[in-house]
Amino acid sequence: MAFVQRRKGPDVVGLFGLLQPLADGFKLILKEPISPSSANFSLFRMAPVATFTLSLVARAVVPFSYGMVWYWLLYLFAISSLGVYGIIIAGWSSNIGSGRSVAYDRRTN
């Protein structure tokens, strides 16, 4: 299908496609930001950044001994539970309800 639409495949960007994630991220950054007209733009843009940052922080701690595993698991669960606040902030700043999305996210996790 990519050949018919004259698109470059994932193995064309860089050596063996190793630069494809970088190219996709660069393309995503350059896209026009889409937000609801009644949205608080700064909060609406901060919500995904906050969620992504929390996901990185959750994986930053590595237990060094067997006794620390339980503390690491507690930390992992505590930080992972904060990720829902990004959805709440995005819904609140856009003046569109996010309660349903939060309820679904809590139910599936």
Protein backbone atom coordinates (compact mmCIF):
# COMPACT_ATOMS: atom_id res chain seq x y z
CA MET A 1 0.00 0.00 0.00
CA ALA A 2 2.88 2.39 0.75
CA PHE A 3 4.24 1.80 -2.74
CA VAL A 4 0.90 2.72 -4.32
CA GLN A 5 0.67 5.90 -2.22
CA ARG A 6 4.37 6.68 -2.87
CA ARG A 7 5.26 6.84 0.82
CA LYS A 8 8.60 5.99 2.35
CA GLY A 9 8.55 2.85 4.45
CA PRO A 10 9.98 2.46 7.95
CA ASP A 11 13.24 1.00 6.64
CA VAL A 12 14.08 3.98 4.40
CA VAL A 13 14.83 6.59 7.09
CA GLY A 14 18.34 5.97 8.38
CA LEU A 15 20.27 2.73 8.48
CA PHE A 16 17.79 -0.16 8.75
CA GLY A 17 15.09 2.27 9.87
CA LEU A 18 16.83 3.13 13.15
CA LEU A 19 16.07 6.84 12.75
CA GLN A 20 12.35 6.30 12.05
CA PRO A 21 11.19 7.10 15.64
CA LEU A 22 13.24 10.30 15.55
CA ALA A 23 11.74 11.26 12.19
CA ASP A 24 8.22 10.52 13.47
CA GLY A 25 8.78 12.63 16.59
CA PHE A 26 10.17 15.50 14.52
CA LYS A 27 7.15 15.35 12.21
CA LEU A 28 4.80 15.33 15.19
CA ILE A 29 6.46 18.40 16.71
CA LEU A 30 6.17 20.34 13.45
CA LYS A 31 2.45 19.66 13.03
CA GLU A 32 -0.01 22.43 13.70
CA PRO A 33 -1.32 22.29 17.27
CA ILE A 34 -5.00 21.44 17.38
CA SER A 35 -6.98 22.57 20.39
CA PRO A 36 -10.61 23.49 21.05
CA SER A 37 -11.41 27.17 20.56
CA SER A 38 -12.54 27.60 24.16
CA ALA A 39 -9.48 25.85 25.63
CA ASN A 40 -6.94 27.29 28.00
CA PHE A 41 -4.02 26.77 25.61
CA SER A 42 -1.18 26.57 28.15
CA LEU A 43 -2.94 24.00 30.36
CA PHE A 44 -4.13 22.04 27.33
CA ARG A 45 -0.55 21.79 26.03
CA MET A 46 0.92 21.00 29.46
CA ALA A 47 -1.31 17.95 30.09
CA PRO A 48 0.41 15.48 27.71
CA VAL A 49 3.84 16.71 28.80
CA ALA A 50 2.93 16.10 32.45
CA THR A 51 1.64 12.60 31.70
CA PHE A 52 4.72 11.71 29.67
CA THR A 53 7.04 13.08 32.35
CA LEU A 54 5.30 11.02 35.03
CA SER A 55 5.68 7.89 32.93
CA LEU A 56 9.42 8.56 32.60
CA VAL A 57 9.79 9.30 36.32
CA ALA A 58 8.04 6.04 37.19
CA ARG A 59 10.68 4.07 35.33
CA ALA A 60 13.65 6.05 36.63
CA VAL A 61 14.13 4.13 39.88
CA VAL A 62 15.87 0.76 39.78
CA PRO A 63 16.06 -1.37 42.94
CA PHE A 64 19.65 -2.25 43.85
CA SER A 65 18.96 -4.94 46.42
CA TYR A 66 16.23 -7.44 47.14
CA GLY A 67 15.05 -5.51 50.21
CA MET A 68 14.36 -2.43 48.11
CA VAL A 69 12.01 -4.18 45.66
CA TRP A 70 8.91 -3.52 47.77
CA TYR A 71 9.73 0.17 48.05
CA TRP A 72 10.30 0.31 44.31
CA LEU A 73 6.93 -1.33 43.64
CA LEU A 74 5.21 1.09 46.01
CA TYR A 75 6.90 4.02 44.25
CA LEU A 76 5.96 2.61 40.83
CA PHE A 77 2.28 2.23 41.77
CA ALA A 78 2.15 5.67 43.39
CA ILE A 79 3.67 7.47 40.40
CA SER A 80 1.63 5.43 37.90
CA SER A 81 -1.58 6.44 39.61
CA LEU A 82 -0.74 10.12 39.04
CA GLY A 83 -0.88 9.74 35.24
CA VAL A 84 -4.64 10.19 35.24
CA TYR A 85 -4.20 13.84 36.23
CA GLY A 86 -2.97 14.64 32.72
CA ILE A 87 -6.31 13.49 31.34
CA ILE A 88 -8.18 15.49 33.97
CA ILE A 89 -6.16 18.66 33.21
CA ALA A 90 -6.69 18.26 29.45
CA GLY A 91 -10.44 17.79 29.88
CA TRP A 92 -10.78 20.64 32.35
CA SER A 93 -8.72 23.09 30.29
CA SER A 94 -10.62 22.33 27.09
CA ASN A 95 -14.01 22.77 28.76
CA ILE A 96 -14.91 19.28 27.56
CA GLY A 97 -15.65 16.67 30.18
CA SER A 98 -12.98 14.09 30.91
CA GLY A 99 -14.79 12.13 33.60
CA ARG A 100 -15.69 9.29 31.28
CA SER A 101 -12.11 8.93 30.05
CA VAL A 102 -10.74 8.97 33.60
CA ALA A 103 -13.29 6.39 34.73
CA TYR A 104 -12.34 4.15 31.81
CA ASP A 105 -8.63 4.60 32.47
CA ARG A 106 -9.02 3.71 36.15
CA ARG A 107 -11.13 0.67 35.28
CA THR A 108 -8.63 -0.74 32.80
CA ASN A 109 -5.51 -0.13 34.90
